[in-house]
């Protein structure tokens, strides 16, 4: 079970609380003064700390300051107080306390607070584990990025040869068999796009900054997206302020816009409506891409910009992660906003003068 640290200068109460917790199978480290348990109160060495507020020399508030403030422990700290009031509770929470228990401390009060604290610990540990896995993936991608250009050539050369061979075969077949060849070609194109996205995300970005009209970038992206099979039935409305100029890498920003339009068309299954609006707001260029599709579920909104998190059957989860990498390398931001009714609203904000340097950026998009 959990490793819990108990701190109280009242020996009788300390023994009683320890017994309650040990009966639940927890491992309890107890002390009547901070120095007796100090070595156990470091990140990762305990799951929960329960401490009295009023103690001689080193009281509960000082314990909070040391454990949460100085040692940066994320493990929950529960305070025991004999005089609970709003001021005390607010101060405790401000200093990093997870919860507090008012005296007299009953078994039920203690176990309920401990149960809440341990749930918080589990969530924190799961989060840290997920972050560690993601960081390892990003480190691997950074290493892959060093050879991305060579890999791109080595992979695309046989794909291109196979595509030409299939087309040559298709020209000699009947209509029904040619449909099958076209399906194969479509799958090859999908594979090539997925590989391209992954390798583009892995390698460092080398920005080629130049002044560009944002309206022209949007128009070019709409034209390119209109050629996608998934966008054939989509209607796109553009509302762009005239004369908005921004210093960006045209190709990369264009890829971001096309990716958002592709996502919108796939979300709407090619039959929806997309609105793109551009404007100047407090010195920043704002581009909003809004669709009337099903929107993004609330439980996925925190992860959609992370790599390899896709709900699509043929998705890589790279598109939005790469888009965020591009936008943030330009010194901007890309976020998902709520909107009335159904659909999704992605908002890009870019400085008119690029904040990024004209050199390679790290592969980590976060």
Foldseek 3Di string as FASTA:
>chain_A
DFEEEEEALPPVVQVVQVVLVVVVVYHYHYDPDCVSCVVQLAAPSGQEYEYEQDHPPQGPLNVLCCRCPVRVHLHAYEYEYADDDPVVQVSCVVSPHPYYHYPPDDSVRSVVVVVVRNVVSVVVVVVVVVVVVLVVVLVVLLVVQVCLVVVLCVVVVVLVVVLVVLVVVLVVDDPVVNVVSVVVNVVSVLVNVQSVLSNLLSHWDQWDKDKDWVVVLLVVLVVVLCPDPLQVQEAEAEAEDPPQIAIGRSVLLSLLNNLVSNVQSVQQSNNWYWYWYWDADPQKIKIKIKIQGQEDDPVCQVPLLRFQDDPDPSDGSRNNVSSLQRLVLQVKGWHWDDDPHGITMIMIIGHRYGPHDSGTDGSHSD
